Amino acid sequence: MGDAAFVCAATRDPADPEPVADTKATAAFGLGLLAAVTGLAVGGIVPATIALALARAARTELRDGQGWRTGAGRVRWAERLSWLALGMAGLSLLTLTVWLFLRGVHFGSQDFPPTVD
């Protein structure tokens, strides 16, 4: 629904090209999926950011393509997955920060010589 623009055969010139899948939309979807998979491990921040930038560019290309480019659904899912990954990474960082704060953040013990009070 909305991914491919339907062009009526009566109004379509035979010399017109076939609708083509937008490659930026596909790349943004792949990066969004990768970001969602690695989001909790905080590794999804980079692919999510790149996916959002590609999705914005793909949306512009789809608008300028006047129905001859397809991929609106992939762009929509790329944005959703990227925001999900950024949210999971933020939640993971917040959880780590709270855990370290509650634990007291002792990364090592200080061992002073016996002559120090």
C-alpha atoms as a PDB file:
ATOM      1  CA  MET A   1       0.000   0.000   0.000  1.00  0.00           C
ATOM      2  CA  GLY A   2       1.873   3.049  -1.155  1.00  0.00           C
ATOM      3  CA  ASP A   3       5.175   1.343  -1.928  1.00  0.00           C
ATOM      4  CA  ALA A   4       4.682   1.282  -5.667  1.00  0.00           C
ATOM      5  CA  ALA A   5       2.771   3.953  -7.507  1.00  0.00           C
ATOM      6  CA  PHE A   6       0.110   2.481  -9.769  1.00  0.00           C
ATOM      7  CA  VAL A   7       0.169   4.059 -13.205  1.00  0.00           C
ATOM      8  CA  CYS A   8      -2.815   3.369 -15.398  1.00  0.00           C
ATOM      9  CA  ALA A   9      -1.926   1.569 -18.615  1.00  0.00           C
ATOM     10  CA  ALA A  10      -4.084   3.938 -20.662  1.00  0.00           C
ATOM     11  CA  THR A  11      -2.164   7.044 -19.542  1.00  0.00           C
ATOM     12  CA  ARG A  12       1.273   5.471 -19.493  1.00  0.00           C
ATOM     13  CA  ASP A  13       3.510   5.966 -22.485  1.00  0.00           C
ATOM     14  CA  PRO A  14       5.217   2.748 -23.650  1.00  0.00           C
ATOM     15  CA  ALA A  15       8.546   4.619 -23.699  1.00  0.00           C
ATOM     16  CA  ASP A  16       8.301   5.376 -19.970  1.00  0.00           C
ATOM     17  CA  PRO A  17      10.692   3.420 -17.775  1.00  0.00           C
ATOM     18  CA  GLU A  18       9.554   0.784 -15.320  1.00  0.00           C
ATOM     19  CA  PRO A  19       9.403   1.799 -11.647  1.00  0.00           C
ATOM     20  CA  VAL A  20      12.735   1.107  -9.959  1.00  0.00           C
ATOM     21  CA  ALA A  21      13.459   0.274  -6.326  1.00  0.00           C
ATOM     22  CA  ASP A  22      15.413   3.067  -4.644  1.00  0.00           C
ATOM     23  CA  THR A  23      18.819   1.802  -3.520  1.00  0.00           C
ATOM     24  CA  LYS A  24      19.144   4.328  -0.693  1.00  0.00           C
ATOM     25  CA  ALA A  25      15.857   3.086   0.747  1.00  0.00           C
ATOM     26  CA  THR A  26      17.132  -0.488   0.658  1.00  0.00           C
ATOM     27  CA  ALA A  27      20.467   0.479   2.236  1.00  0.00           C
ATOM     28  CA  ALA A  28      18.708   2.502   4.944  1.00  0.00           C
ATOM     29  CA  PHE A  29      16.462  -0.467   5.740  1.00  0.00           C
ATOM     30  CA  GLY A  30      19.456  -2.822   5.990  1.00  0.00           C
ATOM     31  CA  LEU A  31      21.312  -0.436   8.286  1.00  0.00           C
ATOM     32  CA  GLY A  32      18.188   0.104  10.377  1.00  0.00           C
ATOM     33  CA  LEU A  33      17.825  -3.641  10.794  1.00  0.00           C
ATOM     34  CA  LEU A  34      21.484  -3.972  11.777  1.00  0.00           C
ATOM     35  CA  ALA A  35      21.078  -1.118  14.239  1.00  0.00           C
ATOM     36  CA  ALA A  36      18.021  -2.730  15.840  1.00  0.00           C
ATOM     37  CA  VAL A  37      19.865  -6.025  16.261  1.00  0.00           C
ATOM     38  CA  THR A  38      22.910  -4.389  17.883  1.00  0.00           C
ATOM     39  CA  GLY A  39      21.027  -1.620  19.714  1.00  0.00           C
ATOM     40  CA  LEU A  40      21.270  -3.015  23.247  1.00  0.00           C
ATOM     41  CA  ALA A  41      25.008  -3.496  22.886  1.00  0.00           C
ATOM     42  CA  VAL A  42      25.312   0.245  22.072  1.00  0.00           C
ATOM     43  CA  GLY A  43      26.850  -0.721  18.731  1.00  0.00           C
ATOM     44  CA  GLY A  44      23.663   0.281  16.941  1.00  0.00           C
ATOM     45  CA  ILE A  45      24.212   4.006  17.347  1.00  0.00           C
ATOM     46  CA  VAL A  46      26.424   4.385  14.270  1.00  0.00           C
ATOM     47  CA  PRO A  47      24.322   2.355  11.797  1.00  0.00           C
ATOM     48  CA  ALA A  48      21.137   3.976  13.145  1.00  0.00           C
ATOM     49  CA  THR A  49      22.521   7.451  12.540  1.00  0.00           C
ATOM     50  CA  ILE A  50      23.646   6.559   9.023  1.00  0.00           C
ATOM     51  CA  ALA A  51      20.282   4.893   8.322  1.00  0.00           C
ATOM     52  CA  LEU A  52      18.397   8.021   9.367  1.00  0.00           C
ATOM     53  CA  ALA A  53      20.537  10.167   7.062  1.00  0.00           C
ATOM     54  CA  LEU A  54      20.034   7.744   4.157  1.00  0.00           C
ATOM     55  CA  ALA A  55      16.298   7.562   4.845  1.00  0.00           C
ATOM     56  CA  ARG A  56      16.024  11.341   4.614  1.00  0.00           C
ATOM     57  CA  ALA A  57      17.869  11.337   1.283  1.00  0.00           C
ATOM     58  CA  ALA A  58      15.780   8.427   0.003  1.00  0.00           C
ATOM     59  CA  ARG A  59      12.549  10.193   0.954  1.00  0.00           C
ATOM     60  CA  THR A  60      13.659  13.201  -1.096  1.00  0.00           C
ATOM     61  CA  GLU A  61      14.532  10.969  -4.063  1.00  0.00           C
ATOM     62  CA  LEU A  62      11.178   9.209  -3.838  1.00  0.00           C
ATOM     63  CA  ARG A  63       9.370  12.539  -3.855  1.00  0.00           C
ATOM     64  CA  ASP A  64      11.418  13.786  -6.815  1.00  0.00           C
ATOM     65  CA  GLY A  65      10.970  10.486  -8.665  1.00  0.00           C
ATOM     66  CA  GLN A  66       7.238  11.208  -9.161  1.00  0.00           C
ATOM     67  CA  GLY A  67       6.212   7.588  -8.678  1.00  0.00           C
ATOM     68  CA  TRP A  68       8.970   5.987 -10.768  1.00  0.00           C
ATOM     69  CA  ARG A  69      10.952   5.039  -7.679  1.00  0.00           C
ATOM     70  CA  THR A  70       9.642   2.619  -5.078  1.00  0.00           C
ATOM     71  CA  GLY A  71      10.666   2.043  -1.498  1.00  0.00           C
ATOM     72  CA  ALA A  72       8.501   4.242   0.737  1.00  0.00           C
ATOM     73  CA  GLY A  73       7.761   1.263   2.984  1.00  0.00           C
ATOM     74  CA  ARG A  74      11.446   0.466   3.394  1.00  0.00           C
ATOM     75  CA  VAL A  75      12.168   4.100   4.287  1.00  0.00           C
ATOM     76  CA  ARG A  76       9.402   4.075   6.895  1.00  0.00           C
ATOM     77  CA  TRP A  77      10.706   0.844   8.465  1.00  0.00           C
ATOM     78  CA  ALA A  78      14.307   2.081   8.341  1.00  0.00           C
ATOM     79  CA  GLU A  79      13.312   5.134  10.374  1.00  0.00           C
ATOM     80  CA  ARG A  80      11.312   3.064  12.865  1.00  0.00           C
ATOM     81  CA  LEU A  81      14.110   0.534  13.382  1.00  0.00           C
ATOM     82  CA  SER A  82      16.737   3.268  13.689  1.00  0.00           C
ATOM     83  CA  TRP A  83      14.794   5.135  16.358  1.00  0.00           C
ATOM     84  CA  LEU A  84      14.171   1.853  18.157  1.00  0.00           C
ATOM     85  CA  ALA A  85      17.917   1.126  18.139  1.00  0.00           C
ATOM     86  CA  LEU A  86      18.760   4.603  19.426  1.00  0.00           C
ATOM     87  CA  GLY A  87      16.200   4.185  22.204  1.00  0.00           C
ATOM     88  CA  MET A  88      17.596   0.779  23.163  1.00  0.00           C
ATOM     89  CA  ALA A  89      21.150   2.142  23.197  1.00  0.00           C
ATOM     90  CA  GLY A  90      20.063   5.072  25.370  1.00  0.00           C
ATOM     91  CA  LEU A  91      18.280   2.728  27.756  1.00  0.00           C
ATOM     92  CA  SER A  92      21.347   0.507  27.893  1.00  0.00           C
ATOM     93  CA  LEU A  93      23.640   3.456  28.677  1.00  0.00           C
ATOM     94  CA  LEU A  94      21.241   4.755  31.320  1.00  0.00           C
ATOM     95  CA  THR A  95      21.055   1.323  32.948  1.00  0.00           C
ATOM     96  CA  LEU A  96      24.847   1.026  32.982  1.00  0.00           C
ATOM     97  CA  THR A  97      25.212   4.487  34.505  1.00  0.00           C
ATOM     98  CA  VAL A  98      22.684   3.788  37.265  1.00  0.00           C
ATOM     99  CA  TRP A  99      24.248   0.390  37.991  1.00  0.00           C
ATOM    100  CA  LEU A 100      27.739   1.882  38.282  1.00  0.00           C
ATOM    101  CA  PHE A 101      26.427   4.693  40.500  1.00  0.00           C
ATOM    102  CA  LEU A 102      24.610   2.299  42.825  1.00  0.00           C
ATOM    103  CA  ARG A 103      27.596  -0.022  42.939  1.00  0.00           C
ATOM    104  CA  GLY A 104      29.831   2.793  44.099  1.00  0.00           C
ATOM    105  CA  VAL A 105      32.133   2.769  41.076  1.00  0.00           C
ATOM    106  CA  HIS A 106      35.165   1.130  42.647  1.00  0.00           C
ATOM    107  CA  PHE A 107      37.403   0.253  39.726  1.00  0.00           C
ATOM    108  CA  GLY A 108      40.328  -0.600  41.953  1.00  0.00           C
ATOM    109  CA  SER A 109      41.376  -0.428  45.551  1.00  0.00           C
ATOM    110  CA  GLN A 110      43.748   2.231  46.785  1.00  0.00           C
ATOM    111  CA  ASP A 111      46.616   0.669  48.635  1.00  0.00           C
ATOM    112  CA  PHE A 112      48.511   3.218  50.651  1.00  0.00           C
ATOM    113  CA  PRO A 113      51.781   2.386  52.429  1.00  0.00           C
ATOM    114  CA  PRO A 114      51.500   1.676  56.176  1.00  0.00           C
ATOM    115  CA  THR A 115      53.178   5.007  57.036  1.00  0.00           C
ATOM    116  CA  VAL A 116      50.269   7.058  55.593  1.00  0.00           C
ATOM    117  CA  ASP A 117      47.399   7.964  57.965  1.00  0.00           C
END
